[in-house]
Amino acid sequence: MAKSLRSKWRRKMRAEKRKKNAPKELERLKKILGTKADVVMEEVKEVATVLPAEKVLQPGDDCKMDIDNKRNKKTLLDQHGQYPIWMNSRQRKKLKAQRVKGKKKSKLAKGLVW
């Protein structure tokens, strides 16, 4: 998509508008960061304790998130038997069929009848 003349024209005009407004935006950002940044940090220091990153992160600490739900890589089911939210119904049906196919066992022989 986005190959029509109208969309090309709009993209072109948006690019020109960005070029025109870039100096004003830069000045506005410099003004905000120049005056307000120090004041904001002082206000934050009054409310909370500000620590450097080295003190917060301990040397033996690995920065991995603890994920509560463990997922089986083959079936993609979590511990509650739920599929991921991004998976659509066709994919779920296909994986379930594979699971059931592998689970089926032949019926046990009842024994010989004379």
PDB file of N, CA and C in Angstrom:
ATOM      1  N   MET A   1       0.832  -1.187   0.000  1.00  0.00           N
ATOM      2  CA  MET A   1       0.000   0.000   0.000  1.00  0.00           C
ATOM      3  C   MET A   1       0.876   1.250   0.000  1.00  0.00           C
ATOM      4  N   ALA A   2       0.251   2.364   0.164  1.00  0.00           N
ATOM      5  CA  ALA A   2       0.932   3.656   0.241  1.00  0.00           C
ATOM      6  C   ALA A   2       1.750   3.946  -1.003  1.00  0.00           C
ATOM      7  N   LYS A   3       1.202   3.584  -2.158  1.00  0.00           N
ATOM      8  CA  LYS A   3       1.892   3.874  -3.405  1.00  0.00           C
ATOM      9  C   LYS A   3       1.089   4.833  -4.286  1.00  0.00           C
ATOM     10  N   SER A   4      -0.049   5.264  -3.813  1.00  0.00           N
ATOM     11  CA  SER A   4      -0.865   6.152  -4.635  1.00  0.00           C
ATOM     12  C   SER A   4      -0.241   7.546  -4.676  1.00  0.00           C
ATOM     13  N   LEU A   5      -0.671   8.328  -5.622  1.00  0.00           N
ATOM     14  CA  LEU A   5      -0.140   9.691  -5.760  1.00  0.00           C
ATOM     15  C   LEU A   5      -0.454  10.528  -4.529  1.00  0.00           C
ATOM     16  N   ARG A   6      -1.655  10.320  -4.003  1.00  0.00           N
ATOM     17  CA  ARG A   6      -2.064  11.115  -2.845  1.00  0.00           C
ATOM     18  C   ARG A   6      -1.157  10.829  -1.643  1.00  0.00           C
ATOM     19  N   SER A   7      -0.867   9.549  -1.411  1.00  0.00           N
ATOM     20  CA  SER A   7      -0.033   9.223  -0.252  1.00  0.00           C
ATOM     21  C   SER A   7       1.403   9.702  -0.457  1.00  0.00           C
ATOM     22  N   LYS A   8       1.891   9.630  -1.693  1.00  0.00           N
ATOM     23  CA  LYS A   8       3.238  10.138  -1.961  1.00  0.00           C
ATOM     24  C   LYS A   8       3.299  11.643  -1.714  1.00  0.00           C
ATOM     25  N   TRP A   9       2.282  12.347  -2.129  1.00  0.00           N
ATOM     26  CA  TRP A   9       2.228  13.792  -1.920  1.00  0.00           C
ATOM     27  C   TRP A   9       2.190  14.108  -0.432  1.00  0.00           C
ATOM     28  N   ARG A  10       1.379  13.354   0.306  1.00  0.00           N
ATOM     29  CA  ARG A  10       1.292  13.596   1.751  1.00  0.00           C
ATOM     30  C   ARG A  10       2.623  13.335   2.439  1.00  0.00           C
ATOM     31  N   ARG A  11       3.292  12.251   2.050  1.00  0.00           N
ATOM     32  CA  ARG A  11       4.599  11.967   2.638  1.00  0.00           C
ATOM     33  C   ARG A  11       5.586  13.087   2.350  1.00  0.00           C
ATOM     34  N   LYS A  12       5.572  13.576   1.139  1.00  0.00           N
ATOM     35  CA  LYS A  12       6.467  14.661   0.748  1.00  0.00           C
ATOM     36  C   LYS A  12       6.202  15.912   1.574  1.00  0.00           C
ATOM     37  N   MET A  13       4.924  16.261   1.731  1.00  0.00           N
ATOM     38  CA  MET A  13       4.578  17.468   2.465  1.00  0.00           C
ATOM     39  C   MET A  13       4.889  17.333   3.955  1.00  0.00           C
ATOM     40  N   ARG A  14       4.687  16.128   4.501  1.00  0.00           N
ATOM     41  CA  ARG A  14       5.037  15.913   5.913  1.00  0.00           C
ATOM     42  C   ARG A  14       6.536  16.081   6.126  1.00  0.00           C
ATOM     43  N   ALA A  15       7.349  15.590   5.171  1.00  0.00           N
ATOM     44  CA  ALA A  15       8.803  15.733   5.267  1.00  0.00           C
ATOM     45  C   ALA A  15       9.207  17.205   5.229  1.00  0.00           C
ATOM     46  N   GLU A  16       8.567  17.972   4.356  1.00  0.00           N
ATOM     47  CA  GLU A  16       8.872  19.405   4.284  1.00  0.00           C
ATOM     48  C   GLU A  16       8.469  20.108   5.570  1.00  0.00           C
ATOM     49  N   LYS A  17       7.345  19.712   6.126  1.00  0.00           N
ATOM     50  CA  LYS A  17       6.874  20.318   7.372  1.00  0.00           C
ATOM     51  C   LYS A  17       7.852  20.021   8.510  1.00  0.00           C
ATOM     52  N   ARG A  18       8.385  18.767   8.523  1.00  0.00           N
ATOM     53  CA  ARG A  18       9.373  18.424   9.553  1.00  0.00           C
ATOM     54  C   ARG A  18      10.626  19.285   9.406  1.00  0.00           C
ATOM     55  N   LYS A  19      11.073  19.487   8.174  1.00  0.00           N
ATOM     56  CA  LYS A  19      12.256  20.329   7.945  1.00  0.00           C
ATOM     57  C   LYS A  19      12.012  21.749   8.434  1.00  0.00           C
ATOM     58  N   LYS A  20      10.807  22.263   8.153  1.00  0.00           N
ATOM     59  CA  LYS A  20      10.488  23.641   8.520  1.00  0.00           C
ATOM     60  C   LYS A  20      10.405  23.801  10.044  1.00  0.00           C
ATOM     61  N   ASN A  21       9.826  22.820  10.715  1.00  0.00           N
ATOM     62  CA  ASN A  21       9.615  22.943  12.156  1.00  0.00           C
ATOM     63  C   ASN A  21      10.790  22.458  12.996  1.00  0.00           C
ATOM     64  N   ALA A  22      11.789  21.820  12.393  1.00  0.00           N
ATOM     65  CA  ALA A  22      12.912  21.267  13.144  1.00  0.00           C
ATOM     66  C   ALA A  22      13.654  22.312  13.986  1.00  0.00           C
ATOM     67  N   PRO A  23      14.004  23.491  13.432  1.00  0.00           N
ATOM     68  CA  PRO A  23      14.721  24.467  14.269  1.00  0.00           C
ATOM     69  C   PRO A  23      13.907  24.924  15.477  1.00  0.00           C
ATOM     70  N   LYS A  24      12.588  25.127  15.272  1.00  0.00           N
ATOM     71  CA  LYS A  24      11.736  25.561  16.387  1.00  0.00           C
ATOM     72  C   LYS A  24      11.673  24.490  17.474  1.00  0.00           C
ATOM     73  N   GLU A  25      11.551  23.233  17.063  1.00  0.00           N
ATOM     74  CA  GLU A  25      11.490  22.136  18.037  1.00  0.00           C
ATOM     75  C   GLU A  25      12.797  22.031  18.810  1.00  0.00           C
ATOM     76  N   LEU A  26      13.914  22.179  18.112  1.00  0.00           N
ATOM     77  CA  LEU A  26      15.220  22.101  18.760  1.00  0.00           C
ATOM     78  C   LEU A  26      15.385  23.207  19.789  1.00  0.00           C
ATOM     79  N   GLU A  27      14.987  24.413  19.439  1.00  0.00           N
ATOM     80  CA  GLU A  27      15.069  25.521  20.381  1.00  0.00           C
ATOM     81  C   GLU A  27      14.189  25.272  21.603  1.00  0.00           C
ATOM     82  N   ARG A  28      12.993  24.764  21.362  1.00  0.00           N
ATOM     83  CA  ARG A  28      12.073  24.483  22.457  1.00  0.00           C
ATOM     84  C   ARG A  28      12.653  23.423  23.406  1.00  0.00           C
ATOM     85  N   LEU A  29      13.245  22.361  22.833  1.00  0.00           N
ATOM     86  CA  LEU A  29      13.850  21.318  23.664  1.00  0.00           C
ATOM     87  C   LEU A  29      15.028  21.862  24.468  1.00  0.00           C
ATOM     88  N   LYS A  30      15.864  22.671  23.821  1.00  0.00           N
ATOM     89  CA  LYS A  30      16.999  23.248  24.534  1.00  0.00           C
ATOM     90  C   LYS A  30      16.536  24.145  25.671  1.00  0.00           C
ATOM     91  N   LYS A  31      15.483  24.899  25.418  1.00  0.00           N
ATOM     92  CA  LYS A  31      14.957  25.801  26.437  1.00  0.00           C
ATOM     93  C   LYS A  31      14.419  25.008  27.630  1.00  0.00           C
ATOM     94  N   ILE A  32      13.679  23.950  27.339  1.00  0.00           N
ATOM     95  CA  ILE A  32      13.108  23.129  28.417  1.00  0.00           C
ATOM     96  C   ILE A  32      14.208  22.451  29.212  1.00  0.00           C
ATOM     97  N   LEU A  33      15.168  21.838  28.521  1.00  0.00           N
ATOM     98  CA  LEU A  33      16.230  21.122  29.213  1.00  0.00           C
ATOM     99  C   LEU A  33      17.187  22.064  29.923  1.00  0.00           C
ATOM    100  N   GLY A  34      17.394  23.246  29.376  1.00  0.00           N
ATOM    101  CA  GLY A  34      18.325  24.194  29.984  1.00  0.00           C
ATOM    102  C   GLY A  34      17.829  24.747  31.299  1.00  0.00           C
ATOM    103  N   THR A  35      16.551  25.058  31.407  1.00  0.00           N
ATOM    104  CA  THR A  35      16.059  25.712  32.611  1.00  0.00           C
ATOM    105  C   THR A  35      15.393  24.750  33.583  1.00  0.00           C
ATOM    106  N   LYS A  36      14.591  23.844  33.080  1.00  0.00           N
ATOM    107  CA  LYS A  36      13.757  23.032  33.949  1.00  0.00           C
ATOM    108  C   LYS A  36      14.432  21.769  34.458  1.00  0.00           C
ATOM    109  N   ALA A  37      15.453  21.267  33.785  1.00  0.00           N
ATOM    110  CA  ALA A  37      16.040  19.976  34.132  1.00  0.00           C
ATOM    111  C   ALA A  37      16.605  19.985  35.550  1.00  0.00           C
ATOM    112  N   ASP A  38      17.351  21.047  35.907  1.00  0.00           N
ATOM    113  CA  ASP A  38      17.950  21.101  37.238  1.00  0.00           C
ATOM    114  C   ASP A  38      16.881  21.238  38.309  1.00  0.00           C
ATOM    115  N   VAL A  39      15.868  22.014  38.029  1.00  0.00           N
ATOM    116  CA  VAL A  39      14.789  22.214  38.995  1.00  0.00           C
ATOM    117  C   VAL A  39      14.054  20.903  39.245  1.00  0.00           C
ATOM    118  N   VAL A  40      13.788  20.168  38.195  1.00  0.00           N
ATOM    119  CA  VAL A  40      13.080  18.894  38.334  1.00  0.00           C
ATOM    120  C   VAL A  40      13.901  17.927  39.165  1.00  0.00           C
ATOM    121  N   MET A  41      15.193  17.844  38.931  1.00  0.00           N
ATOM    122  CA  MET A  41      16.047  16.933  39.699  1.00  0.00           C
ATOM    123  C   MET A  41      16.063  17.315  41.175  1.00  0.00           C
ATOM    124  N   GLU A  42      16.062  18.607  41.489  1.00  0.00           N
ATOM    125  CA  GLU A  42      16.034  19.044  42.880  1.00  0.00           C
ATOM    126  C   GLU A  42      14.723  18.629  43.537  1.00  0.00           C
ATOM    127  N   GLU A  43      13.613  18.760  42.805  1.00  0.00           N
ATOM    128  CA  GLU A  43      12.319  18.350  43.349  1.00  0.00           C
ATOM    129  C   GLU A  43      12.296  16.851  43.595  1.00  0.00           C
ATOM    130  N   VAL A  44      12.870  16.088  42.702  1.00  0.00           N
ATOM    131  CA  VAL A  44      12.906  14.631  42.860  1.00  0.00           C
ATOM    132  C   VAL A  44      13.767  14.259  44.057  1.00  0.00           C
ATOM    133  N   LYS A  45      14.872  14.958  44.271  1.00  0.00           N
ATOM    134  CA  LYS A  45      15.746  14.649  45.401  1.00  0.00           C
ATOM    135  C   LYS A  45      15.035  14.880  46.726  1.00  0.00           C
ATOM    136  N   GLU A  46      14.140  15.866  46.777  1.00  0.00           N
ATOM    137  CA  GLU A  46      13.400  16.112  48.010  1.00  0.00           C
ATOM    138  C   GLU A  46      12.418  14.981  48.299  1.00  0.00           C
ATOM    139  N   VAL A  47      11.819  14.428  47.267  1.00  0.00           N
ATOM    140  CA  VAL A  47      10.793  13.406  47.446  1.00  0.00           C
ATOM    141  C   VAL A  47      11.397  12.025  47.631  1.00  0.00           C
ATOM    142  N   ALA A  48      12.407  11.667  46.835  1.00  0.00           N
ATOM    143  CA  ALA A  48      12.960  10.320  46.854  1.00  0.00           C
ATOM    144  C   ALA A  48      14.471  10.373  46.955  1.00  0.00           C
ATOM    145  N   THR A  49      15.040   9.261  47.358  1.00  0.00           N
ATOM    146  CA  THR A  49      16.484   9.156  47.431  1.00  0.00           C
ATOM    147  C   THR A  49      17.015   8.792  46.054  1.00  0.00           C
ATOM    148  N   VAL A  50      17.918   9.607  45.553  1.00  0.00           N
ATOM    149  CA  VAL A  50      18.487   9.358  44.232  1.00  0.00           C
ATOM    150  C   VAL A  50      19.821   8.654  44.418  1.00  0.00           C
ATOM    151  N   LEU A  51      19.927   7.446  43.832  1.00  0.00           N
ATOM    152  CA  LEU A  51      21.152   6.660  43.934  1.00  0.00           C
ATOM    153  C   LEU A  51      21.775   6.488  42.561  1.00  0.00           C
ATOM    154  N   PRO A  52      23.097   6.438  42.500  1.00  0.00           N
ATOM    155  CA  PRO A  52      23.728   6.145  41.205  1.00  0.00           C
ATOM    156  C   PRO A  52      23.468   4.689  40.806  1.00  0.00           C
ATOM    157  N   ALA A  53      23.606   4.407  39.521  1.00  0.00           N
ATOM    158  CA  ALA A  53      23.292   3.077  39.006  1.00  0.00           C
ATOM    159  C   ALA A  53      24.220   2.007  39.567  1.00  0.00           C
ATOM    160  N   GLU A  54      25.484   2.355  39.883  1.00  0.00           N
ATOM    161  CA  GLU A  54      26.438   1.366  40.390  1.00  0.00           C
ATOM    162  C   GLU A  54      26.003   0.815  41.745  1.00  0.00           C
ATOM    163  N   LYS A  55      25.390   1.668  42.574  1.00  0.00           N
ATOM    164  CA  LYS A  55      24.945   1.214  43.887  1.00  0.00           C
ATOM    165  C   LYS A  55      23.701   0.346  43.791  1.00  0.00           C
ATOM    166  N   VAL A  56      22.846   0.639  42.825  1.00  0.00           N
ATOM    167  CA  VAL A  56      21.604  -0.112  42.681  1.00  0.00           C
ATOM    168  C   VAL A  56      21.891  -1.510  42.153  1.00  0.00           C
ATOM    169  N   LEU A  57      22.739  -1.616  41.126  1.00  0.00           N
ATOM    170  CA  LEU A  57      23.081  -2.916  40.546  1.00  0.00           C
ATOM    171  C   LEU A  57      24.256  -3.504  41.294  1.00  0.00           C
ATOM    172  N   GLN A  58      24.072  -4.690  41.816  1.00  0.00           N
ATOM    173  CA  GLN A  58      25.148  -5.358  42.527  1.00  0.00           C
ATOM    174  C   GLN A  58      25.999  -6.131  41.530  1.00  0.00           C
ATOM    175  N   PRO A  59      27.278  -6.351  41.840  1.00  0.00           N
ATOM    176  CA  PRO A  59      28.176  -6.987  40.868  1.00  0.00           C
ATOM    177  C   PRO A  59      27.731  -8.387  40.435  1.00  0.00           C
ATOM    178  N   GLY A  60      27.219  -9.202  41.333  1.00  0.00           N
ATOM    179  CA  GLY A  60      26.819 -10.556  40.988  1.00  0.00           C
ATOM    180  C   GLY A  60      25.398 -10.637  40.473  1.00  0.00           C
ATOM    181  N   ASP A  61      24.766  -9.509  40.296  1.00  0.00           N
ATOM    182  CA  ASP A  61      23.362  -9.471  39.912  1.00  0.00           C
ATOM    183  C   ASP A  61      23.229  -9.514  38.400  1.00  0.00           C
ATOM    184  N   ASP A  62      22.567 -10.545  37.884  1.00  0.00           N
ATOM    185  CA  ASP A  62      22.296 -10.553  36.449  1.00  0.00           C
ATOM    186  C   ASP A  62      20.933  -9.920  36.230  1.00  0.00           C
ATOM    187  N   CYS A  63      20.808  -9.160  35.185  1.00  0.00           N
ATOM    188  CA  CYS A  63      19.621  -8.342  34.968  1.00  0.00           C
ATOM    189  C   CYS A  63      18.567  -9.069  34.140  1.00  0.00           C
ATOM    190  N   LYS A  64      18.249 -10.289  34.506  1.00  0.00           N
ATOM    191  CA  LYS A  64      17.211 -11.019  33.793  1.00  0.00           C
ATOM    192  C   LYS A  64      15.915 -10.928  34.571  1.00  0.00           C
ATOM    193  N   MET A  65      14.818 -10.871  33.827  1.00  0.00           N
ATOM    194  CA  MET A  65      13.513 -10.811  34.470  1.00  0.00           C
ATOM    195  C   MET A  65      13.097 -12.205  34.903  1.00  0.00           C
ATOM    196  N   ASP A  66      12.412 -12.283  36.024  1.00  0.00           N
ATOM    197  CA  ASP A  66      11.847 -13.546  36.452  1.00  0.00           C
ATOM    198  C   ASP A  66      10.502 -13.704  35.777  1.00  0.00           C
ATOM    199  N   ILE A  67      10.393 -14.717  34.951  1.00  0.00           N
ATOM    200  CA  ILE A  67       9.146 -14.953  34.249  1.00  0.00           C
ATOM    201  C   ILE A  67       8.387 -16.017  35.025  1.00  0.00           C
ATOM    202  N   ASP A  68       7.156 -15.670  35.415  1.00  0.00           N
ATOM    203  CA  ASP A  68       6.380 -16.576  36.248  1.00  0.00           C
ATOM    204  C   ASP A  68       5.904 -17.792  35.479  1.00  0.00           C
ATOM    205  N   ASN A  69       5.371 -17.587  34.275  1.00  0.00           N
ATOM    206  CA  ASN A  69       4.799 -18.718  33.577  1.00  0.00           C
ATOM    207  C   ASN A  69       5.867 -19.420  32.753  1.00  0.00           C
ATOM    208  N   LYS A  70       6.077 -20.681  33.054  1.00  0.00           N
ATOM    209  CA  LYS A  70       7.026 -21.502  32.312  1.00  0.00           C
ATOM    210  C   LYS A  70       6.292 -22.100  31.124  1.00  0.00           C
ATOM    211  N   ARG A  71       6.918 -22.033  29.966  1.00  0.00           N
ATOM    212  CA  ARG A  71       6.272 -22.484  28.743  1.00  0.00           C
ATOM    213  C   ARG A  71       7.053 -23.652  28.145  1.00  0.00           C
ATOM    214  N   ASN A  72       6.321 -24.685  27.723  1.00  0.00           N
ATOM    215  CA  ASN A  72       6.926 -25.814  27.045  1.00  0.00           C
ATOM    216  C   ASN A  72       7.287 -25.372  25.633  1.00  0.00           C
ATOM    217  N   LYS A  73       8.538 -25.556  25.231  1.00  0.00           N
ATOM    218  CA  LYS A  73       8.973 -25.061  23.926  1.00  0.00           C
ATOM    219  C   LYS A  73       8.364 -25.856  22.779  1.00  0.00           C
ATOM    220  N   LYS A  74       8.041 -27.111  22.994  1.00  0.00           N
ATOM    221  CA  LYS A  74       7.499 -27.936  21.921  1.00  0.00           C
ATOM    222  C   LYS A  74       6.011 -27.662  21.701  1.00  0.00           C
ATOM    223  N   THR A  75       5.243 -27.628  22.789  1.00  0.00           N
ATOM    224  CA  THR A  75       3.794 -27.457  22.658  1.00  0.00           C
ATOM    225  C   THR A  75       3.353 -26.015  22.825  1.00  0.00           C
ATOM    226  N   LEU A  76       4.227 -25.156  23.343  1.00  0.00           N
ATOM    227  CA  LEU A  76       3.944 -23.745  23.621  1.00  0.00           C
ATOM    228  C   LEU A  76       2.856 -23.551  24.677  1.00  0.00           C
ATOM    229  N   LEU A  77       2.584 -24.571  25.469  1.00  0.00           N
ATOM    230  CA  LEU A  77       1.612 -24.437  26.554  1.00  0.00           C
ATOM    231  C   LEU A  77       2.331 -23.977  27.811  1.00  0.00           C
ATOM    232  N   ASP A  78       1.673 -23.128  28.608  1.00  0.00           N
ATOM    233  CA  ASP A  78       2.251 -22.743  29.885  1.00  0.00           C
ATOM    234  C   ASP A  78       1.810 -23.741  30.947  1.00  0.00           C
ATOM    235  N   GLN A  79       2.119 -23.453  32.214  1.00  0.00           N
ATOM    236  CA  GLN A  79       1.818 -24.413  33.269  1.00  0.00           C
ATOM    237  C   GLN A  79       0.329 -24.581  33.502  1.00  0.00           C
ATOM    238  N   HIS A  80      -0.485 -23.650  33.027  1.00  0.00           N
ATOM    239  CA  HIS A  80      -1.937 -23.759  33.186  1.00  0.00           C
ATOM    240  C   HIS A  80      -2.610 -24.366  31.960  1.00  0.00           C
ATOM    241  N   GLY A  81      -1.827 -24.749  30.946  1.00  0.00           N
ATOM    242  CA  GLY A  81      -2.394 -25.336  29.737  1.00  0.00           C
ATOM    243  C   GLY A  81      -2.919 -24.298  28.760  1.00  0.00           C
ATOM    244  N   GLN A  82      -2.434 -23.065  28.856  1.00  0.00           N
ATOM    245  CA  GLN A  82      -2.892 -21.982  27.984  1.00  0.00           C
ATOM    246  C   GLN A  82      -1.839 -21.699  26.916  1.00  0.00           C
ATOM    247  N   TYR A  83      -2.311 -21.395  25.707  1.00  0.00           N
ATOM    248  CA  TYR A  83      -1.427 -21.011  24.621  1.00  0.00           C
ATOM    249  C   TYR A  83      -1.098 -19.524  24.741  1.00  0.00           C
ATOM    250  N   PRO A  84      -0.045 -19.056  24.048  1.00  0.00           N
ATOM    251  CA  PRO A  84       0.273 -17.626  24.083  1.00  0.00           C
ATOM    252  C   PRO A  84      -0.861 -16.802  23.481  1.00  0.00           C
ATOM    253  N   ILE A  85      -0.955 -15.566  23.898  1.00  0.00           N
ATOM    254  CA  ILE A  85      -2.065 -14.711  23.477  1.00  0.00           C
ATOM    255  C   ILE A  85      -1.983 -14.382  21.991  1.00  0.00           C
ATOM    256  N   TRP A  86      -0.774 -14.409  21.417  1.00  0.00           N
ATOM    257  CA  TRP A  86      -0.615 -14.047  20.013  1.00  0.00           C
ATOM    258  C   TRP A  86      -0.988 -15.179  19.065  1.00  0.00           C
ATOM    259  N   MET A  87      -1.182 -16.378  19.576  1.00  0.00           N
ATOM    260  CA  MET A  87      -1.445 -17.525  18.712  1.00  0.00           C
ATOM    261  C   MET A  87      -2.913 -17.564  18.301  1.00  0.00           C
ATOM    262  N   ASN A  88      -3.169 -17.750  16.999  1.00  0.00           N
ATOM    263  CA  ASN A  88      -4.548 -17.786  16.548  1.00  0.00           C
ATOM    264  C   ASN A  88      -5.127 -19.203  16.640  1.00  0.00           C
ATOM    265  N   SER A  89      -6.426 -19.330  16.401  1.00  0.00           N
ATOM    266  CA  SER A  89      -7.121 -20.588  16.654  1.00  0.00           C
ATOM    267  C   SER A  89      -6.655 -21.709  15.720  1.00  0.00           C
ATOM    268  N   ARG A  90      -6.272 -21.376  14.490  1.00  0.00           N
ATOM    269  CA  ARG A  90      -5.790 -22.410  13.566  1.00  0.00           C
ATOM    270  C   ARG A  90      -4.500 -23.036  14.081  1.00  0.00           C
ATOM    271  N   GLN A  91      -3.609 -22.197  14.558  1.00  0.00           N
ATOM    272  CA  GLN A  91      -2.342 -22.712  15.086  1.00  0.00           C
ATOM    273  C   GLN A  91      -2.586 -23.563  16.327  1.00  0.00           C
ATOM    274  N   ARG A  92      -3.503 -23.133  17.184  1.00  0.00           N
ATOM    275  CA  ARG A  92      -3.827 -23.902  18.389  1.00  0.00           C
ATOM    276  C   ARG A  92      -4.387 -25.267  18.013  1.00  0.00           C
ATOM    277  N   LYS A  93      -5.290 -25.270  17.034  1.00  0.00           N
ATOM    278  CA  LYS A  93      -5.920 -26.510  16.601  1.00  0.00           C
ATOM    279  C   LYS A  93      -4.878 -27.476  16.037  1.00  0.00           C
ATOM    280  N   LYS A  94      -3.934 -26.945  15.263  1.00  0.00           N
ATOM    281  CA  LYS A  94      -2.892 -27.762  14.658  1.00  0.00           C
ATOM    282  C   LYS A  94      -1.996 -28.384  15.738  1.00  0.00           C
ATOM    283  N   LEU A  95      -1.589 -27.577  16.712  1.00  0.00           N
ATOM    284  CA  LEU A  95      -0.738 -28.100  17.775  1.00  0.00           C
ATOM    285  C   LEU A  95      -1.473 -29.116  18.638  1.00  0.00           C
ATOM    286  N   LYS A  96      -2.765 -28.879  18.880  1.00  0.00           N
ATOM    287  CA  LYS A  96      -3.546 -29.825  19.670  1.00  0.00           C
ATOM    288  C   LYS A  96      -3.665 -31.154  18.941  1.00  0.00           C
ATOM    289  N   ALA A  97      -3.869 -31.093  17.616  1.00  0.00           N
ATOM    290  CA  ALA A  97      -3.970 -32.323  16.828  1.00  0.00           C
ATOM    291  C   ALA A  97      -2.670 -33.115  16.902  1.00  0.00           C
ATOM    292  N   GLN A  98      -1.543 -32.432  16.850  1.00  0.00           N
ATOM    293  CA  GLN A  98      -0.255 -33.112  16.960  1.00  0.00           C
ATOM    294  C   GLN A  98      -0.094 -33.751  18.334  1.00  0.00           C
ATOM    295  N   ARG A  99      -0.530 -33.037  19.367  1.00  0.00           N
ATOM    296  CA  ARG A  99      -0.417 -33.542  20.728  1.00  0.00           C
ATOM    297  C   ARG A  99      -1.269 -34.784  20.928  1.00  0.00           C
ATOM    298  N   VAL A 100      -2.527 -34.727  20.443  1.00  0.00           N
ATOM    299  CA  VAL A 100      -3.452 -35.839  20.619  1.00  0.00           C
ATOM    300  C   VAL A 100      -2.986 -37.044  19.804  1.00  0.00           C
ATOM    301  N   LYS A 101      -2.458 -36.795  18.602  1.00  0.00           N
ATOM    302  CA  LYS A 101      -1.979 -37.868  17.739  1.00  0.00           C
ATOM    303  C   LYS A 101      -0.839 -38.628  18.425  1.00  0.00           C
ATOM    304  N   GLY A 102       0.055 -37.917  19.053  1.00  0.00           N
ATOM    305  CA  GLY A 102       1.175 -38.546  19.744  1.00  0.00           C
ATOM    306  C   GLY A 102       0.751 -39.246  21.016  1.00  0.00           C
ATOM    307  N   LYS A 103      -0.355 -38.827  21.597  1.00  0.00           N
ATOM    308  CA  LYS A 103      -0.794 -39.366  22.871  1.00  0.00           C
ATOM    309  C   LYS A 103      -1.607 -40.650  22.703  1.00  0.00           C
ATOM    310  N   LYS A 104      -2.262 -40.849  21.544  1.00  0.00           N
ATOM    311  CA  LYS A 104      -3.126 -42.013  21.334  1.00  0.00           C
ATOM    312  C   LYS A 104      -2.310 -43.301  21.429  1.00  0.00           C
ATOM    313  N   LYS A 105      -2.861 -44.267  22.124  1.00  0.00           N
ATOM    314  CA  LYS A 105      -2.231 -45.574  22.228  1.00  0.00           C
ATOM    315  C   LYS A 105      -3.214 -46.599  21.694  1.00  0.00           C
ATOM    316  N   SER A 106      -2.682 -47.705  21.244  1.00  0.00           N
ATOM    317  CA  SER A 106      -3.570 -48.744  20.750  1.00  0.00           C
ATOM    318  C   SER A 106      -4.309 -49.359  21.933  1.00  0.00           C
ATOM    319  N   LYS A 107      -5.498 -49.850  21.667  1.00  0.00           N
ATOM    320  CA  LYS A 107      -6.286 -50.450  22.735  1.00  0.00           C
ATOM    321  C   LYS A 107      -5.594 -51.722  23.207  1.00  0.00           C
ATOM    322  N   LEU A 108      -5.660 -51.938  24.481  1.00  0.00           N
ATOM    323  CA  LEU A 108      -5.043 -53.128  25.039  1.00  0.00           C
ATOM    324  C   LEU A 108      -5.896 -54.355  24.680  1.00  0.00           C
ATOM    325  N   ALA A 109      -5.239 -55.439  24.421  1.00  0.00           N
ATOM    326  CA  ALA A 109      -5.961 -56.668  24.105  1.00  0.00           C
ATOM    327  C   ALA A 109      -6.651 -57.158  25.363  1.00  0.00           C
ATOM    328  N   LYS A 110      -7.905 -57.539  25.222  1.00  0.00           N
ATOM    329  CA  LYS A 110      -8.667 -57.986  26.378  1.00  0.00           C
ATOM    330  C   LYS A 110      -8.292 -59.416  26.776  1.00  0.00           C
ATOM    331  N   GLY A 111      -7.610 -60.029  25.945  1.00  0.00           N
ATOM    332  CA  GLY A 111      -7.255 -61.426  26.213  1.00  0.00           C
ATOM    333  C   GLY A 111      -7.892 -62.311  25.184  1.00  0.00           C
ATOM    334  N   LEU A 112      -7.478 -63.497  25.176  1.00  0.00           N
ATOM    335  CA  LEU A 112      -8.016 -64.439  24.193  1.00  0.00           C
ATOM    336  C   LEU A 112      -9.367 -64.964  24.662  1.00  0.00           C
ATOM    337  N   VAL A 113     -10.299 -64.978  23.753  1.00  0.00           N
ATOM    338  CA  VAL A 113     -11.631 -65.513  24.070  1.00  0.00           C
ATOM    339  C   VAL A 113     -11.767 -66.855  23.331  1.00  0.00           C
ATOM    340  N   TRP A 114     -12.066 -67.948  24.067  1.00  0.00           N
ATOM    341  CA  TRP A 114     -12.207 -69.277  23.428  1.00  0.00           C
ATOM    342  C   TRP A 114     -13.589 -69.498  23.040  1.00  0.00           C
TER     343      TRP A 114
END
